[in-house]
Amino acid sequence: MVENLRVAIDKFPYNGQYGFKENGIQVDSIEQGGLPELLKKKGCTVAEVFNTKLTPDEEKQYGEMHRMGLASKRLADAVSAQLKKDMLPLGLLHNCNGLMGMLAGVQHSGGWKPLKVGLVWIDAHGDFNTPETTYSGMLGGMPVAVSCGLCYDRLRRTCGLDPALPTKYVTMVAVRDTDPYEQESIDRLDIAQITVDDLKKGSPAVDMEMERLSTLCDRIYVHVDMDVLDPADIPGAGLPVANGPTAKELGEAIEVMFEYPKACAFGVASYPAARDTEKKGLKSVYALIEGAVKGAQGRVD
């Protein structure tokens, strides 16, 4: 058992989806709703709270996407340093565009040589579109494709994620709403899948995929977009999709994931703070974080 799990809270308040904007309500609401107290109650030490900020000079640089990359690199540097100090980085991300910074931080948390990073992508959507396959044009529908080197290479490198992730290092969980050409790419590249049914039945698929990624990769990052949950457990989700797992079901699966020593960082994106008037969604966020913490604490120290 890990007696004193040291956790770093990493806040990434940038949108990057409809223009580069800073809006801290989504990430601040998770922290200020009682997260440090919850972590302490669960036997953790909050060793660091990092809030991603651009420098004044970076704020003036041209290009929304470029500034998104610069902010992501700030996040990456923080995550890398935390991992080198044996902390568990917990990313509170405005939306899934924070993915590249988290991955880059894990990738560069070793020595000079980039680590091989596995990605467990937990989302109702694949976010595997490219500018050629997308119907909406949303950058928020592309971060997994960007991370895998399928588009926007300059953005990925600005984030610090270099080289790109091979697609065999990716496992998608509970993805059930994709665009037609996006789905074709997922199928053609044979991206591994864990279904909602797997989560509900407690199938061995979670263990099987964690074992597969642990064999291939040096470290694993686990990422959740909150719209993966059944809408009943995440009221006000921006892009709700029916028939998702409950927070309890997903929390139990995340606990299993973090029992594997190579699972080293966790990110939560797209909490709809302004629309979660009864805080039911916030309870769901905390249930998933508890799963990650409990799994990491259950390892043999």
Protein backbone atom coordinates (compact mmCIF):
# COMPACT_ATOMS: atom_id res chain seq x y z
CA MET A 1 0.00 0.00 0.00
CA VAL A 2 1.12 3.55 -0.77
CA GLU A 3 0.77 5.28 2.58
CA ASN A 4 1.14 8.90 1.52
CA LEU A 5 0.17 9.56 -2.08
CA ARG A 6 1.47 12.96 -3.17
CA VAL A 7 -0.90 14.61 -5.65
CA ALA A 8 -0.36 17.68 -7.83
CA ILE A 9 -3.43 19.61 -9.01
CA ASP A 10 -2.81 21.05 -12.48
CA LYS A 11 -5.33 23.59 -13.76
CA PHE A 12 -5.59 24.32 -17.47
CA PRO A 13 -8.27 27.00 -17.94
CA TYR A 14 -7.84 27.57 -21.69
CA ASN A 15 -10.51 26.76 -24.24
CA GLY A 16 -8.83 26.73 -27.62
CA GLN A 17 -11.99 25.41 -29.26
CA TYR A 18 -13.85 28.58 -30.28
CA GLY A 19 -10.85 30.88 -30.14
CA PHE A 20 -8.15 30.97 -27.49
CA LYS A 21 -9.82 32.09 -24.30
CA GLU A 22 -9.09 31.71 -20.62
CA ASN A 23 -12.06 30.71 -18.47
CA GLY A 24 -11.27 29.30 -15.07
CA ILE A 25 -14.78 28.54 -13.86
CA GLN A 26 -14.74 24.90 -14.97
CA VAL A 27 -11.40 24.01 -13.43
CA ASP A 28 -11.65 26.33 -10.41
CA SER A 29 -15.05 24.89 -9.50
CA ILE A 30 -13.56 21.42 -9.19
CA GLU A 31 -10.75 22.61 -6.94
CA GLN A 32 -12.80 25.05 -4.88
CA GLY A 33 -15.72 22.67 -4.47
CA GLY A 34 -13.69 20.71 -1.96
CA LEU A 35 -11.10 18.72 -3.90
CA PRO A 36 -8.10 19.39 -1.60
CA GLU A 37 -10.21 18.40 1.39
CA LEU A 38 -11.39 15.25 -0.35
CA LEU A 39 -7.85 14.25 -1.25
CA LYS A 40 -6.69 14.83 2.32
CA LYS A 41 -9.58 12.75 3.63
CA LYS A 42 -8.53 9.95 1.28
CA GLY A 43 -5.03 9.94 2.71
CA CYS A 44 -3.28 12.08 0.08
CA THR A 45 -1.03 15.10 0.36
CA VAL A 46 -1.65 17.92 -2.09
CA ALA A 47 1.99 18.65 -2.82
CA GLU A 48 1.45 21.32 -5.48
CA VAL A 49 -1.28 23.37 -7.17
CA PHE A 50 -0.26 24.63 -10.60
CA ASN A 51 -2.35 27.11 -12.59
CA THR A 52 -1.29 27.34 -16.24
CA LYS A 53 -0.57 30.93 -17.28
CA LEU A 54 1.07 32.46 -20.29
CA THR A 55 3.71 35.12 -19.80
CA PRO A 56 2.83 38.66 -20.94
CA ASP A 57 5.08 38.20 -23.98
CA GLU A 58 3.39 34.91 -24.87
CA GLU A 59 -0.04 36.53 -24.55
CA LYS A 60 0.97 38.96 -27.30
CA GLN A 61 2.10 36.31 -29.74
CA TYR A 62 0.16 35.94 -32.97
CA GLY A 63 -2.28 33.07 -33.53
CA GLU A 64 -4.87 31.46 -31.27
CA MET A 65 -3.68 27.95 -32.03
CA HIS A 66 -0.07 28.97 -31.44
CA ARG A 67 -0.92 30.41 -28.02
CA MET A 68 -2.80 27.19 -27.26
CA GLY A 69 0.42 25.31 -27.91
CA LEU A 70 2.44 27.67 -25.73
CA ALA A 71 0.00 27.21 -22.84
CA SER A 72 0.11 23.44 -23.30
CA LYS A 73 3.91 23.52 -23.09
CA ARG A 74 3.61 25.35 -19.76
CA LEU A 75 1.36 22.56 -18.51
CA ALA A 76 3.73 19.92 -19.91
CA ASP A 77 6.72 21.36 -18.08
CA ALA A 78 4.81 21.33 -14.79
CA VAL A 79 3.60 17.74 -15.22
CA SER A 80 7.08 16.56 -16.16
CA ALA A 81 8.62 18.12 -13.07
CA GLN A 82 5.91 16.67 -10.82
CA LEU A 83 6.42 13.15 -12.11
CA LYS A 84 10.15 13.45 -11.51
CA LYS A 85 9.25 14.21 -7.87
CA ASP A 86 7.01 11.12 -7.63
CA MET A 87 3.73 13.06 -7.58
CA LEU A 88 0.49 11.96 -9.22
CA PRO A 89 -0.49 14.81 -11.58
CA LEU A 90 -4.22 15.45 -11.63
CA GLY A 91 -5.17 17.61 -14.61
CA LEU A 92 -8.28 19.78 -14.31
CA LEU A 93 -8.77 20.71 -17.96
CA HIS A 94 -11.23 23.19 -19.46
CA ASN A 95 -11.78 20.80 -22.35
CA CYS A 96 -9.97 18.02 -24.17
CA ASN A 97 -7.53 20.39 -25.87
CA GLY A 98 -5.52 20.05 -22.66
CA LEU A 99 -4.64 16.50 -23.73
CA MET A 100 -1.45 17.36 -25.59
CA GLY A 101 0.08 19.18 -22.65
CA MET A 102 -0.62 16.32 -20.26
CA LEU A 103 0.80 13.76 -22.70
CA ALA A 104 3.88 15.90 -23.38
CA GLY A 105 4.54 16.19 -19.67
CA VAL A 106 4.43 12.43 -19.24
CA GLN A 107 6.53 11.88 -22.36
CA HIS A 108 9.35 14.08 -21.06
CA SER A 109 9.32 12.93 -17.44
CA GLY A 110 12.33 10.65 -17.87
CA GLY A 111 15.81 11.59 -18.99
CA TRP A 112 16.78 13.12 -22.33
CA LYS A 113 15.03 10.38 -24.27
CA PRO A 114 11.25 10.75 -24.71
CA LEU A 115 9.27 8.01 -23.00
CA LYS A 116 6.78 5.78 -24.78
CA VAL A 117 3.40 6.99 -23.51
CA GLY A 118 0.15 5.05 -23.55
CA LEU A 119 -3.18 6.87 -23.65
CA VAL A 120 -6.43 5.60 -22.16
CA TRP A 121 -9.00 7.87 -23.79
CA ILE A 122 -12.34 7.84 -21.92
CA ASP A 123 -14.91 9.92 -23.82
CA ALA A 124 -18.26 9.53 -25.54
CA HIS A 125 -16.51 10.97 -28.61
CA GLY A 126 -13.39 9.75 -30.37
CA ASP A 127 -11.90 13.23 -30.89
CA PHE A 128 -10.08 11.52 -33.73
CA ASN A 129 -11.13 13.91 -36.49
CA THR A 130 -8.73 15.77 -38.74
CA PRO A 131 -9.39 18.86 -40.86
CA GLU A 132 -10.21 16.48 -43.74
CA THR A 133 -12.67 14.25 -41.84
CA THR A 134 -14.41 16.75 -39.55
CA TYR A 135 -17.93 18.00 -40.15
CA SER A 136 -17.81 20.76 -37.52
CA GLY A 137 -14.24 22.05 -37.82
CA MET A 138 -13.91 21.98 -34.01
CA LEU A 139 -10.36 21.67 -32.72
CA GLY A 140 -11.95 20.01 -29.68
CA GLY A 141 -12.85 17.08 -31.93
CA MET A 142 -9.21 16.51 -32.96
CA PRO A 143 -6.84 16.22 -29.94
CA VAL A 144 -6.34 12.46 -30.15
CA ALA A 145 -5.64 12.70 -33.88
CA VAL A 146 -3.23 15.59 -33.23
CA SER A 147 -1.48 13.58 -30.51
CA CYS A 148 -1.10 10.65 -32.90
CA GLY A 149 0.50 12.81 -35.59
CA LEU A 150 -2.41 12.77 -38.04
CA CYS A 151 -2.73 16.57 -38.30
CA TYR A 152 -1.49 19.90 -36.91
CA ASP A 153 2.08 18.74 -36.39
CA ARG A 154 3.27 22.26 -35.59
CA LEU A 155 0.71 22.58 -32.78
CA ARG A 156 1.71 19.19 -31.36
CA ARG A 157 5.39 20.13 -31.35
CA THR A 158 4.68 23.52 -29.78
CA CYS A 159 2.86 21.64 -27.00
CA GLY A 160 6.06 19.65 -26.49
CA LEU A 161 4.66 16.31 -27.65
CA ASP A 162 7.34 14.93 -29.95
CA PRO A 163 7.36 12.27 -31.27
CA ALA A 164 3.67 11.63 -31.81
CA LEU A 165 1.98 8.63 -30.21
CA PRO A 166 1.72 5.50 -32.35
CA THR A 167 -1.94 4.55 -32.61
CA LYS A 168 -1.24 1.17 -31.03
CA TYR A 169 -0.45 3.09 -27.81
CA VAL A 170 -4.07 4.30 -27.61
CA THR A 171 -7.10 2.60 -26.03
CA MET A 172 -10.53 4.23 -26.34
CA VAL A 173 -13.11 3.66 -23.63
CA ALA A 174 -16.91 4.06 -24.00
CA VAL A 175 -16.60 5.93 -27.32
CA ARG A 176 -20.00 5.76 -28.99
CA ASP A 177 -20.60 8.99 -30.95
CA THR A 178 -18.30 9.54 -33.93
CA ASP A 179 -18.50 11.18 -37.35
CA PRO A 180 -18.55 8.75 -40.31
CA TYR A 181 -15.04 9.47 -41.62
CA GLU A 182 -13.71 9.71 -38.07
CA GLN A 183 -15.03 6.22 -37.40
CA GLU A 184 -13.45 4.98 -40.63
CA SER A 185 -10.08 6.25 -39.39
CA ILE A 186 -10.54 4.58 -36.01
CA ASP A 187 -11.41 1.28 -37.69
CA ARG A 188 -8.70 1.45 -40.36
CA LEU A 189 -6.02 2.17 -37.75
CA ASP A 190 -7.45 -0.53 -35.48
CA ILE A 191 -7.66 1.61 -32.33
CA ALA A 192 -8.31 -0.65 -29.33
CA GLN A 193 -11.73 -0.29 -27.69
CA ILE A 194 -13.31 -0.92 -24.30
CA THR A 195 -17.09 -0.66 -24.60
CA VAL A 196 -19.73 0.69 -22.24
CA ASP A 197 -20.96 -2.88 -21.92
CA ASP A 198 -17.46 -3.95 -20.79
CA LEU A 199 -17.60 -1.34 -18.02
CA LYS A 200 -21.09 -2.29 -16.91
CA LYS A 201 -20.32 -6.02 -16.79
CA GLY A 202 -16.90 -5.68 -15.23
CA SER A 203 -15.37 -7.62 -18.10
CA PRO A 204 -11.64 -8.43 -18.22
CA ALA A 205 -11.22 -5.93 -21.07
CA VAL A 206 -9.90 -3.21 -18.72
CA ASP A 207 -7.19 -5.48 -17.31
CA MET A 208 -6.36 -6.82 -20.75
CA GLU A 209 -5.85 -3.35 -22.21
CA MET A 210 -3.86 -2.10 -19.23
CA GLU A 211 -1.62 -5.15 -19.52
CA ARG A 212 -1.21 -4.54 -23.26
CA LEU A 213 -0.32 -0.86 -22.80
CA SER A 214 1.97 -1.67 -19.88
CA THR A 215 3.90 -4.07 -22.10
CA LEU A 216 4.24 -1.54 -24.94
CA CYS A 217 4.74 1.71 -23.03
CA ASP A 218 6.89 3.25 -20.32
CA ARG A 219 4.05 5.24 -18.75
CA ILE A 220 0.28 5.61 -19.22
CA TYR A 221 -1.91 8.70 -19.05
CA VAL A 222 -5.64 8.26 -18.34
CA HIS A 223 -7.94 11.00 -19.67
CA VAL A 224 -11.68 11.50 -19.06
CA ASP A 225 -14.08 13.83 -20.82
CA MET A 226 -17.03 14.06 -18.45
CA ASP A 227 -19.57 13.69 -21.26
CA VAL A 228 -18.60 10.01 -21.34
CA LEU A 229 -20.99 9.45 -18.43
CA ASP A 230 -24.67 8.77 -18.79
CA PRO A 231 -26.37 12.20 -18.89
CA ALA A 232 -28.11 11.45 -15.59
CA ASP A 233 -24.71 11.59 -13.86
CA ILE A 234 -23.41 14.71 -15.62
CA PRO A 235 -26.26 17.25 -15.89
CA GLY A 236 -25.57 20.09 -18.28
CA ALA A 237 -22.93 18.28 -20.33
CA GLY A 238 -22.15 20.26 -23.46
CA LEU A 239 -22.36 17.26 -25.80
CA PRO A 240 -24.37 14.62 -23.92
CA VAL A 241 -24.62 11.11 -25.32
CA ALA A 242 -27.14 8.58 -24.03
CA ASN A 243 -26.37 5.13 -22.64
CA GLY A 244 -23.07 5.88 -20.97
CA PRO A 245 -21.59 4.33 -17.84
CA THR A 246 -22.53 5.65 -14.42
CA ALA A 247 -19.93 7.49 -12.36
CA LYS A 248 -19.77 4.46 -10.05
CA GLU A 249 -19.13 2.05 -12.92
CA LEU A 250 -16.47 4.23 -14.48
CA GLY A 251 -14.87 5.02 -11.12
CA GLU A 252 -14.45 1.31 -10.45
CA ALA A 253 -12.81 0.83 -13.86
CA ILE A 254 -10.44 3.76 -13.25
CA GLU A 255 -9.47 2.24 -9.91
CA VAL A 256 -8.44 -0.92 -11.76
CA MET A 257 -6.44 1.14 -14.27
CA PHE A 258 -4.46 2.90 -11.56
CA GLU A 259 -3.58 -0.34 -9.84
CA TYR A 260 -1.13 -0.73 -12.72
CA PRO A 261 2.16 1.00 -11.79
CA LYS A 262 2.63 2.59 -15.21
CA ALA A 263 -0.61 4.60 -14.88
CA CYS A 264 1.02 7.82 -13.71
CA ALA A 265 -1.30 10.78 -14.43
CA PHE A 266 -5.03 11.48 -14.62
CA GLY A 267 -6.96 14.23 -16.39
CA VAL A 268 -10.59 15.35 -16.18
CA ALA A 269 -12.01 17.61 -18.88
CA SER A 270 -15.23 19.42 -19.74
CA TYR A 271 -16.96 19.66 -16.38
CA PRO A 272 -20.02 21.91 -17.08
CA ALA A 273 -19.73 23.97 -13.90
CA ALA A 274 -22.15 26.74 -14.86
CA ARG A 275 -24.93 24.27 -15.71
CA ASP A 276 -24.38 21.87 -12.82
CA THR A 277 -26.67 23.77 -10.47
CA GLU A 278 -27.25 20.89 -8.04
CA LYS A 279 -23.59 19.78 -8.07
CA LYS A 280 -24.48 16.26 -9.12
CA GLY A 281 -21.89 16.43 -11.88
CA LEU A 282 -19.27 17.60 -9.40
CA LYS A 283 -19.94 14.51 -7.29
CA SER A 284 -19.34 12.45 -10.41
CA VAL A 285 -16.02 14.19 -11.02
CA TYR A 286 -14.95 13.42 -7.47
CA ALA A 287 -16.03 9.78 -7.81
CA LEU A 288 -13.68 9.36 -10.78
CA ILE A 289 -10.81 11.10 -8.98
CA GLU A 290 -11.40 8.87 -5.97
CA GLY A 291 -11.13 5.84 -8.24
CA ALA A 292 -7.75 6.98 -9.55
CA VAL A 293 -6.45 7.75 -6.06
CA LYS A 294 -7.71 4.48 -4.58
CA GLY A 295 -6.13 2.47 -7.38
CA ALA A 296 -2.78 4.23 -7.00
CA GLN A 297 -2.85 3.78 -3.23
CA GLY A 298 -3.55 0.07 -3.63
CA ARG A 299 -0.25 -0.61 -5.35
CA VAL A 300 2.60 -2.25 -3.47
CA ASP A 301 4.90 0.62 -2.49
